[in-house]
Amino acid sequence: MKAAAALAGWLTALAAVALLYASGEAYWMRLGTVLAVNIALASGWNLIGGMGGYPSFATAGFFGFGAYAGAILQGIGAPMPLAWTGAGLCAAAFALAIGWIVLKLRGHYFAIASLSVVLLLRLVATNWTGLTGGGMGLNLPVLAEDVVFQARLFLLAQAGVASLAVIVAILVARSRLGFALACIRQNETAAGMLGLDTRIAKSVAFALSAAIAGPAGAIYASSVFYIEPGDVFDIQNSVTPIIMTLVGGAGTVTGPILGALIYQVLEQTIWARFVAVHSGVLGASVVLLALFLPRGVLGLRWPRSRVVARREAA
């Protein structure tokens, strides 16, 4: 039922993407693109943070890693789709390598270690001038097409990554990996005693999270034509996916989608009405949501109809 609800919701979202594409309005298509990125990052984080219970702050690192990998591949002549795919594979390989080390830690120790990954990658990108351009950043090839064409292209590309993220989440939730992650979230020691290889399960989830964030970063780099370390390794890209997932409902397939939608509506509404202090108002709104909805929107107990109540009583 949960997977069916997620699929139905995502089909609705795809219909909305089609409407945005047909509208030809660059502003609305860019909003749709941002929403698709948020859904992808939140769904990717949910694999390791929601389903596995490991509070990862490495999303910004994977996003930035993918942005630079895609930019470098395009710089040596790779077409955009190939560069985006390569960025996802590179980010996943990096996550497997670094995850084999940091996933030995748990709780706040893991959280700090994952945040350190972001800072380390940012430091490398800033100082490796020959490869990344250092603090001067990297320029990407500029598309010759008009603004509307570019908006449509990157909307479809990011919607494709978001769709992949949702499909992966559904498959994981219904697989042995999802069962292993649920056991790890409840009690990792007991899961190991039952014969589950917890380290491999965590590493795979960590890599899948990176494989989603990497292409999202690469597509973002292609859309802005220029990247620098402070932009793509922004810690906000680690924090907002966590917020969106918690608001919607962590550990569920639908939660990150719903949370991303709620977050973006709040952000746009607050930005329009509180221009000077929008960040503070948005932060306070999110804190209130977290306090009053500790299990997210999907954790609410919706009122049941009398017919359903009578059937259950019978």
Protein backbone atom coordinates (compact mmCIF):
# COMPACT_ATOMS: atom_id res chain seq x y z
CA MET A 1 0.00 0.00 0.00
CA LYS A 2 2.76 2.43 0.91
CA ALA A 3 4.64 1.73 -2.31
CA ALA A 4 1.39 2.10 -4.28
CA ALA A 5 0.71 5.46 -2.60
CA ALA A 6 4.24 6.62 -3.39
CA LEU A 7 3.87 5.51 -7.01
CA ALA A 8 0.52 7.29 -7.34
CA GLY A 9 1.96 10.44 -5.84
CA TRP A 10 4.94 10.34 -8.14
CA LEU A 11 2.76 9.81 -11.22
CA THR A 12 0.88 12.94 -10.17
CA ALA A 13 4.19 14.76 -9.86
CA LEU A 14 5.21 13.60 -13.33
CA ALA A 15 1.94 14.96 -14.69
CA ALA A 16 2.79 18.30 -13.05
CA VAL A 17 6.23 18.20 -14.70
CA ALA A 18 4.56 17.62 -18.06
CA LEU A 19 2.31 20.65 -17.49
CA LEU A 20 5.30 22.80 -16.53
CA TYR A 21 7.15 21.61 -19.63
CA ALA A 22 4.21 22.46 -21.87
CA SER A 23 3.69 25.87 -20.26
CA GLY A 24 6.99 27.26 -21.53
CA GLU A 25 7.25 29.54 -18.48
CA ALA A 26 10.92 29.58 -17.47
CA TYR A 27 10.21 30.75 -13.91
CA TRP A 28 7.79 27.92 -13.10
CA MET A 29 10.01 25.36 -14.79
CA ARG A 30 12.93 26.47 -12.63
CA LEU A 31 10.78 26.09 -9.52
CA GLY A 32 9.87 22.60 -10.70
CA THR A 33 13.56 21.87 -11.25
CA VAL A 34 14.41 22.96 -7.68
CA LEU A 35 11.60 20.75 -6.35
CA ALA A 36 12.92 17.78 -8.33
CA VAL A 37 16.42 18.33 -6.90
CA ASN A 38 14.98 18.52 -3.38
CA ILE A 39 13.04 15.29 -3.86
CA ALA A 40 16.12 13.53 -5.22
CA LEU A 41 18.40 14.67 -2.38
CA ALA A 42 15.80 13.96 0.31
CA SER A 43 14.99 10.50 -1.10
CA GLY A 44 18.68 9.71 -1.37
CA TRP A 45 19.37 10.78 2.22
CA ASN A 46 16.36 8.77 3.39
CA LEU A 47 18.04 5.53 2.26
CA ILE A 48 20.84 5.85 4.81
CA GLY A 49 19.36 8.32 7.30
CA GLY A 50 15.69 7.35 7.37
CA MET A 51 15.67 3.64 6.57
CA GLY A 52 19.07 2.89 8.10
CA GLY A 53 18.97 5.36 10.98
CA TYR A 54 22.44 6.77 10.26
CA PRO A 55 22.36 10.61 10.44
CA SER A 56 24.50 11.41 7.40
CA PHE A 57 25.61 14.95 6.59
CA ALA A 58 27.55 13.85 3.51
CA THR A 59 24.86 14.77 0.94
CA ALA A 60 26.50 18.11 0.15
CA GLY A 61 29.78 16.28 -0.40
CA PHE A 62 28.23 13.87 -2.89
CA PHE A 63 26.37 16.73 -4.62
CA GLY A 64 29.58 18.74 -4.99
CA PHE A 65 31.62 15.67 -5.96
CA GLY A 66 29.13 14.97 -8.74
CA ALA A 67 29.16 18.60 -9.86
CA TYR A 68 32.95 18.62 -10.23
CA ALA A 69 33.06 15.14 -11.77
CA GLY A 70 30.47 16.15 -14.36
CA ALA A 71 32.25 19.46 -15.07
CA ILE A 72 35.62 17.74 -15.53
CA LEU A 73 34.12 15.08 -17.81
CA GLN A 74 32.43 17.75 -19.92
CA GLY A 75 35.69 19.66 -20.00
CA ILE A 76 37.44 16.72 -21.69
CA GLY A 77 34.70 16.44 -24.30
CA ALA A 78 32.11 14.06 -22.80
CA PRO A 79 28.51 14.84 -23.78
CA MET A 80 26.24 15.98 -20.97
CA PRO A 81 24.26 12.72 -20.47
CA LEU A 82 27.48 10.70 -20.31
CA ALA A 83 29.05 13.23 -17.92
CA TRP A 84 25.99 13.10 -15.65
CA THR A 85 26.03 9.28 -15.61
CA GLY A 86 29.77 9.22 -14.96
CA ALA A 87 29.33 11.69 -12.10
CA GLY A 88 26.84 9.34 -10.43
CA LEU A 89 29.16 6.36 -10.79
CA CYS A 90 32.15 8.33 -9.48
CA ALA A 91 30.17 9.59 -6.49
CA ALA A 92 28.94 6.06 -5.70
CA ALA A 93 32.47 4.66 -5.92
CA PHE A 94 33.75 7.42 -3.64
CA ALA A 95 30.94 6.74 -1.14
CA LEU A 96 31.76 3.03 -1.09
CA ALA A 97 35.41 3.78 -0.39
CA ILE A 98 34.86 6.41 2.30
CA GLY A 99 31.82 4.61 3.72
CA TRP A 100 33.86 1.51 4.48
CA ILE A 101 35.71 3.73 6.97
CA VAL A 102 33.16 6.18 8.42
CA LEU A 103 30.35 3.63 8.69
CA LYS A 104 32.29 1.91 11.45
CA LEU A 105 31.13 4.83 13.61
CA ARG A 106 27.62 5.29 15.00
CA GLY A 107 25.35 8.08 16.22
CA HIS A 108 26.81 11.55 16.58
CA TYR A 109 30.32 10.22 15.86
CA PHE A 110 29.15 9.15 12.39
CA ALA A 111 27.34 12.47 11.91
CA ILE A 112 30.54 14.40 12.64
CA ALA A 113 32.60 12.12 10.39
CA SER A 114 30.14 12.51 7.50
CA LEU A 115 30.22 16.29 7.90
CA SER A 116 34.02 16.10 7.82
CA VAL A 117 33.76 14.42 4.40
CA VAL A 118 32.06 17.55 3.04
CA LEU A 119 34.69 19.84 4.53
CA LEU A 120 37.50 17.63 3.24
CA LEU A 121 36.13 17.59 -0.30
CA ARG A 122 35.65 21.34 -0.21
CA LEU A 123 39.23 21.79 0.92
CA VAL A 124 40.53 19.51 -1.85
CA ALA A 125 38.48 21.34 -4.49
CA THR A 126 39.78 24.68 -3.25
CA ASN A 127 43.44 23.68 -3.32
CA TRP A 128 43.69 21.30 -6.29
CA THR A 129 43.96 24.16 -8.77
CA GLY A 130 45.15 22.07 -11.69
CA LEU A 131 42.05 19.85 -11.70
CA THR A 132 39.25 21.86 -10.11
CA GLY A 133 40.30 25.43 -10.80
CA GLY A 134 40.71 26.02 -7.08
CA GLY A 135 38.97 29.04 -5.62
CA MET A 136 38.48 30.44 -9.14
CA GLY A 137 36.13 27.59 -9.94
CA LEU A 138 35.40 25.84 -13.24
CA ASN A 139 33.57 27.06 -16.32
CA LEU A 140 31.35 24.63 -18.22
CA PRO A 141 30.32 24.77 -21.89
CA VAL A 142 27.50 27.26 -22.46
CA LEU A 143 24.51 25.99 -24.41
CA ALA A 144 23.61 27.92 -27.53
CA GLU A 145 19.86 27.30 -27.12
CA ASP A 146 17.45 29.85 -25.66
CA VAL A 147 16.40 30.15 -22.01
CA VAL A 148 13.13 28.22 -22.42
CA PHE A 149 14.87 25.27 -24.08
CA GLN A 150 17.46 25.15 -21.30
CA ALA A 151 14.78 25.35 -18.61
CA ARG A 152 12.92 22.44 -20.22
CA LEU A 153 16.08 20.39 -20.61
CA PHE A 154 17.21 20.70 -17.00
CA LEU A 155 13.67 20.25 -15.68
CA LEU A 156 13.41 16.91 -17.47
CA ALA A 157 16.92 15.92 -16.40
CA GLN A 158 16.39 16.63 -12.70
CA ALA A 159 12.91 15.09 -12.82
CA GLY A 160 14.57 11.97 -14.24
CA VAL A 161 17.01 11.84 -11.31
CA ALA A 162 14.16 12.37 -8.83
CA SER A 163 12.17 9.58 -10.52
CA LEU A 164 15.18 7.29 -10.25
CA ALA A 165 15.51 8.19 -6.55
CA VAL A 166 11.87 7.30 -5.86
CA ILE A 167 12.10 4.04 -7.83
CA VAL A 168 15.26 3.07 -5.93
CA ALA A 169 13.54 3.89 -2.63
CA ILE A 170 10.56 1.68 -3.52
CA LEU A 171 12.81 -1.21 -4.58
CA VAL A 172 14.97 -0.92 -1.47
CA ALA A 173 11.95 -0.74 0.84
CA ARG A 174 10.61 -4.00 -0.61
CA SER A 175 13.94 -5.83 -0.72
CA ARG A 176 16.20 -7.70 1.68
CA LEU A 177 18.33 -4.57 1.83
CA GLY A 178 15.34 -2.63 3.15
CA PHE A 179 14.74 -5.32 5.77
CA ALA A 180 18.41 -5.18 6.78
CA LEU A 181 18.32 -1.38 7.06
CA ALA A 182 15.17 -1.54 9.19
CA CYS A 183 16.90 -4.02 11.52
CA ILE A 184 19.96 -1.77 11.70
CA ARG A 185 17.77 1.20 12.59
CA GLN A 186 16.09 -0.73 15.39
CA ASN A 187 19.13 -2.49 16.86
CA GLU A 188 22.31 -2.92 14.84
CA THR A 189 23.95 -5.25 17.35
CA ALA A 190 20.97 -7.60 17.33
CA ALA A 191 20.86 -7.45 13.51
CA GLY A 192 24.47 -8.60 13.39
CA MET A 193 23.69 -11.44 15.79
CA LEU A 194 20.92 -12.60 13.45
CA GLY A 195 23.48 -13.05 10.69
CA LEU A 196 22.90 -9.84 8.74
CA ASP A 197 26.01 -8.26 7.23
CA THR A 198 25.28 -4.79 8.54
CA ARG A 199 28.43 -3.23 7.15
CA ILE A 200 27.62 -4.21 3.57
CA ALA A 201 23.99 -3.08 3.94
CA LYS A 202 25.07 0.33 5.25
CA SER A 203 27.72 0.70 2.55
CA VAL A 204 25.26 -0.10 -0.25
CA ALA A 205 22.72 2.39 1.11
CA PHE A 206 25.45 5.03 1.46
CA ALA A 207 26.57 4.42 -2.14
CA LEU A 208 23.02 4.55 -3.48
CA SER A 209 22.54 7.88 -1.70
CA ALA A 210 25.67 9.20 -3.43
CA ALA A 211 24.61 7.74 -6.80
CA ILE A 212 21.51 9.93 -6.60
CA ALA A 213 23.12 13.13 -5.31
CA GLY A 214 26.02 12.92 -7.80
CA PRO A 215 23.99 13.28 -11.03
CA ALA A 216 21.84 15.97 -9.40
CA GLY A 217 25.03 17.96 -8.75
CA ALA A 218 26.35 17.34 -12.26
CA ILE A 219 23.10 18.52 -13.86
CA TYR A 220 23.12 21.58 -11.61
CA ALA A 221 26.67 22.38 -12.75
CA SER A 222 25.61 22.11 -16.40
CA SER A 223 22.64 24.40 -15.80
CA VAL A 224 24.64 27.24 -14.20
CA PHE A 225 27.75 26.88 -16.46
CA TYR A 226 30.10 27.73 -13.57
CA ILE A 227 30.85 26.14 -10.21
CA GLU A 228 33.11 26.92 -7.27
CA PRO A 229 33.69 25.05 -3.99
CA GLY A 230 31.64 27.34 -1.74
CA ASP A 231 28.58 26.89 -3.96
CA VAL A 232 28.39 23.15 -4.62
CA PHE A 233 29.76 22.07 -1.23
CA ASP A 234 27.31 24.29 0.63
CA ILE A 235 26.39 22.61 3.93
CA GLN A 236 22.78 23.65 3.32
CA ASN A 237 22.64 20.84 0.75
CA SER A 238 23.23 18.45 3.66
CA VAL A 239 20.80 20.03 6.10
CA THR A 240 17.73 20.68 3.92
CA PRO A 241 17.31 17.03 2.75
CA ILE A 242 17.27 15.98 6.42
CA ILE A 243 14.68 18.64 7.27
CA MET A 244 12.47 17.71 4.31
CA THR A 245 12.60 14.00 5.13
CA LEU A 246 11.81 14.56 8.81
CA VAL A 247 8.92 16.89 7.95
CA GLY A 248 7.40 14.35 5.56
CA GLY A 249 8.22 11.18 7.48
CA ALA A 250 11.62 9.51 7.72
CA GLY A 251 11.98 5.88 6.74
CA THR A 252 9.05 6.00 4.31
CA VAL A 253 9.06 6.24 0.53
CA THR A 254 6.46 9.02 0.36
CA GLY A 255 7.83 11.12 3.24
CA PRO A 256 10.73 12.79 1.38
CA ILE A 257 8.45 13.67 -1.56
CA LEU A 258 5.82 15.22 0.69
CA GLY A 259 8.44 16.93 2.85
CA ALA A 260 10.16 18.47 -0.17
CA LEU A 261 6.85 19.84 -1.41
CA ILE A 262 5.94 21.29 2.00
CA TYR A 263 9.40 22.80 2.41
CA GLN A 264 9.32 24.47 -1.00
CA VAL A 265 5.83 25.88 -0.47
CA LEU A 266 6.94 27.27 2.91
CA GLU A 267 10.13 28.66 1.42
CA GLN A 268 8.39 30.44 -1.45
CA THR A 269 5.60 31.79 0.75
CA ILE A 270 7.95 33.05 3.46
CA TRP A 271 10.39 34.47 0.91
CA ALA A 272 7.60 36.56 -0.63
CA ARG A 273 6.28 37.89 2.68
CA PHE A 274 9.42 38.17 4.83
CA VAL A 275 12.17 39.16 2.41
CA ALA A 276 14.47 40.66 5.04
CA VAL A 277 14.25 37.84 7.60
CA HIS A 278 13.07 34.90 5.49
CA SER A 279 15.81 32.53 6.69
CA GLY A 280 14.93 33.04 10.35
CA VAL A 281 11.19 32.70 9.76
CA LEU A 282 11.71 29.58 7.62
CA GLY A 283 13.94 28.04 10.29
CA ALA A 284 11.39 28.78 13.03
CA SER A 285 8.60 27.25 10.91
CA VAL A 286 10.61 24.08 10.37
CA VAL A 287 11.44 23.83 14.09
CA LEU A 288 7.75 24.15 14.98
CA LEU A 289 6.86 21.44 12.48
CA ALA A 290 9.50 19.15 13.96
CA LEU A 291 8.26 19.80 17.52
CA PHE A 292 4.59 19.21 16.82
CA LEU A 293 5.08 16.51 14.17
CA PRO A 294 7.98 14.39 15.49
CA ARG A 295 7.10 11.54 13.09
CA GLY A 296 6.44 13.86 10.16
CA VAL A 297 3.21 14.53 8.34
CA LEU A 298 2.79 10.83 7.54
CA GLY A 299 2.93 10.08 11.27
CA LEU A 300 -0.30 11.94 11.91
CA ARG A 301 -3.24 9.86 13.08
CA TRP A 302 -5.92 10.75 10.57
CA PRO A 303 -9.56 10.34 11.73
CA ARG A 304 -11.13 7.11 10.52
CA SER A 305 -14.58 6.85 9.11
CA ARG A 306 -17.29 5.08 11.12
CA VAL A 307 -17.53 2.35 8.47
CA VAL A 308 -13.84 1.49 8.84
CA ALA A 309 -14.11 1.56 12.65
CA ARG A 310 -17.09 -0.83 12.60
CA ARG A 311 -15.28 -3.25 10.25
CA GLU A 312 -12.23 -3.31 12.50
CA ALA A 313 -14.43 -3.83 15.59
CA ALA A 314 -16.17 -6.75 13.87
